Amino acid sequence: MDKLERFKLLSNSMPIEKKVELYQQFVATPEAGIERFNELAAAAGLRLDQAEVSE
């Protein structure tokens, strides 16, 4: 499974509350939102760099 598919699965499995939290972080401080998403992705076994998340 490629990273895009794994990213989609991670996003689809995330509770709406977590998605709202991430969205608020991205809006307030994009760098912090990207870092937080990377942390969540890493916890799920998916390694992404900042460029991949910001796309």
N, C-alpha and C. Protein backbone atom coordinates (compact mmCIF):
# COMPACT_ATOMS: atom_id res chain seq x y z
N MET A 1 0.86 -1.17 0.00
CA MET A 1 0.00 0.00 0.00
C MET A 1 0.91 1.24 0.00
N ASP A 2 0.62 2.18 -0.87
CA ASP A 2 1.45 3.36 -0.94
C ASP A 2 1.06 4.39 0.13
N LYS A 3 1.90 5.41 0.27
CA LYS A 3 1.67 6.40 1.32
C LYS A 3 0.35 7.12 1.17
N LEU A 4 -0.06 7.42 -0.03
CA LEU A 4 -1.32 8.13 -0.23
C LEU A 4 -2.48 7.31 0.30
N GLU A 5 -2.50 6.04 0.00
CA GLU A 5 -3.59 5.17 0.47
C GLU A 5 -3.55 5.05 1.99
N ARG A 6 -2.36 4.92 2.56
CA ARG A 6 -2.24 4.84 4.02
C ARG A 6 -2.67 6.14 4.67
N PHE A 7 -2.33 7.26 4.03
CA PHE A 7 -2.76 8.58 4.54
C PHE A 7 -4.28 8.67 4.53
N LYS A 8 -4.91 8.23 3.45
CA LYS A 8 -6.37 8.25 3.37
C LYS A 8 -7.00 7.39 4.46
N LEU A 9 -6.44 6.22 4.69
CA LEU A 9 -6.96 5.34 5.74
C LEU A 9 -6.84 6.00 7.11
N LEU A 10 -5.70 6.63 7.36
CA LEU A 10 -5.50 7.32 8.63
C LEU A 10 -6.52 8.44 8.78
N SER A 11 -6.69 9.23 7.76
CA SER A 11 -7.64 10.33 7.80
C SER A 11 -9.07 9.83 8.00
N ASN A 12 -9.44 8.78 7.29
CA ASN A 12 -10.80 8.24 7.40
C ASN A 12 -11.08 7.61 8.76
N SER A 13 -10.04 7.12 9.42
CA SER A 13 -10.24 6.46 10.71
C SER A 13 -10.19 7.45 11.88
N MET A 14 -9.83 8.69 11.59
CA MET A 14 -9.69 9.70 12.63
C MET A 14 -11.07 10.24 13.04
N PRO A 15 -11.33 10.33 14.35
CA PRO A 15 -12.60 10.90 14.80
C PRO A 15 -12.74 12.36 14.36
N ILE A 16 -13.97 12.78 14.15
CA ILE A 16 -14.23 14.15 13.69
C ILE A 16 -13.64 15.17 14.65
N GLU A 17 -13.66 14.88 15.95
CA GLU A 17 -13.11 15.81 16.93
C GLU A 17 -11.62 16.04 16.69
N LYS A 18 -10.90 14.97 16.36
CA LYS A 18 -9.46 15.07 16.08
C LYS A 18 -9.23 15.85 14.79
N LYS A 19 -10.08 15.65 13.79
CA LYS A 19 -9.95 16.39 12.54
C LYS A 19 -10.17 17.89 12.77
N VAL A 20 -11.15 18.23 13.61
CA VAL A 20 -11.41 19.63 13.92
C VAL A 20 -10.22 20.23 14.65
N GLU A 21 -9.68 19.49 15.60
CA GLU A 21 -8.50 19.97 16.34
C GLU A 21 -7.34 20.24 15.39
N LEU A 22 -7.08 19.31 14.48
CA LEU A 22 -5.99 19.50 13.51
C LEU A 22 -6.25 20.70 12.61
N TYR A 23 -7.48 20.84 12.16
CA TYR A 23 -7.83 21.97 11.30
C TYR A 23 -7.57 23.28 12.03
N GLN A 24 -7.98 23.35 13.29
CA GLN A 24 -7.76 24.57 14.07
C GLN A 24 -6.28 24.85 14.24
N GLN A 25 -5.48 23.81 14.43
CA GLN A 25 -4.04 24.01 14.54
C GLN A 25 -3.46 24.50 13.22
N PHE A 26 -3.90 23.93 12.11
CA PHE A 26 -3.41 24.35 10.80
C PHE A 26 -3.74 25.82 10.54
N VAL A 27 -4.92 26.23 10.92
CA VAL A 27 -5.34 27.61 10.69
C VAL A 27 -4.55 28.57 11.58
N ALA A 28 -4.41 28.22 12.85
CA ALA A 28 -3.72 29.09 13.80
C ALA A 28 -2.22 29.13 13.56
N THR A 29 -1.62 27.96 13.40
CA THR A 29 -0.17 27.84 13.21
C THR A 29 0.09 26.65 12.30
N PRO A 30 0.21 26.89 11.01
CA PRO A 30 0.37 25.78 10.07
C PRO A 30 1.51 24.82 10.42
N GLU A 31 2.63 25.34 10.86
CA GLU A 31 3.77 24.47 11.20
C GLU A 31 3.41 23.53 12.34
N ALA A 32 2.70 24.03 13.34
CA ALA A 32 2.29 23.20 14.48
C ALA A 32 1.29 22.14 14.03
N GLY A 33 0.39 22.50 13.13
CA GLY A 33 -0.57 21.53 12.60
C GLY A 33 0.11 20.42 11.83
N ILE A 34 1.09 20.78 11.03
CA ILE A 34 1.85 19.78 10.27
C ILE A 34 2.60 18.86 11.21
N GLU A 35 3.25 19.45 12.22
CA GLU A 35 4.00 18.63 13.17
C GLU A 35 3.07 17.68 13.93
N ARG A 36 1.91 18.17 14.35
CA ARG A 36 0.96 17.32 15.07
C ARG A 36 0.46 16.18 14.18
N PHE A 37 0.18 16.47 12.93
CA PHE A 37 -0.27 15.41 12.02
C PHE A 37 0.84 14.39 11.82
N ASN A 38 2.09 14.86 11.71
CA ASN A 38 3.21 13.93 11.58
C ASN A 38 3.31 13.02 12.78
N GLU A 39 3.05 13.56 13.98
CA GLU A 39 3.07 12.75 15.20
C GLU A 39 1.99 11.67 15.14
N LEU A 40 0.79 12.05 14.74
CA LEU A 40 -0.30 11.09 14.63
C LEU A 40 0.00 10.04 13.57
N ALA A 41 0.55 10.46 12.45
CA ALA A 41 0.90 9.53 11.38
C ALA A 41 1.97 8.55 11.85
N ALA A 42 2.98 9.06 12.53
CA ALA A 42 4.06 8.21 13.02
C ALA A 42 3.53 7.18 14.01
N ALA A 43 2.60 7.59 14.86
CA ALA A 43 1.99 6.66 15.82
C ALA A 43 1.24 5.55 15.10
N ALA A 44 0.76 5.82 13.89
CA ALA A 44 0.05 4.83 13.09
C ALA A 44 0.99 4.08 12.14
N GLY A 45 2.31 4.35 12.26
CA GLY A 45 3.29 3.65 11.43
C GLY A 45 3.52 4.27 10.07
N LEU A 46 3.09 5.49 9.88
CA LEU A 46 3.24 6.17 8.59
C LEU A 46 4.20 7.33 8.76
N ARG A 47 5.31 7.28 8.06
CA ARG A 47 6.31 8.34 8.14
C ARG A 47 6.11 9.31 6.98
N LEU A 48 5.83 10.55 7.33
CA LEU A 48 5.64 11.61 6.33
C LEU A 48 6.57 12.77 6.65
N ASP A 49 7.04 13.46 5.62
CA ASP A 49 7.81 14.66 5.90
C ASP A 49 6.88 15.87 5.74
N GLN A 50 7.38 17.05 6.14
CA GLN A 50 6.54 18.25 6.12
C GLN A 50 6.01 18.57 4.74
N ALA A 51 6.82 18.35 3.71
CA ALA A 51 6.39 18.65 2.34
C ALA A 51 5.21 17.76 1.94
N GLU A 52 5.25 16.49 2.33
CA GLU A 52 4.15 15.59 1.98
C GLU A 52 2.86 15.99 2.67
N VAL A 53 2.94 16.43 3.91
CA VAL A 53 1.73 16.81 4.63
C VAL A 53 1.18 18.11 4.10
N SER A 54 2.05 19.05 3.79
CA SER A 54 1.57 20.36 3.33
C SER A 54 0.97 20.32 1.93
N GLU A 55 1.26 19.28 1.16
CA GLU A 55 0.65 19.14 -0.16
C GLU A 55 -0.78 18.76 0.03
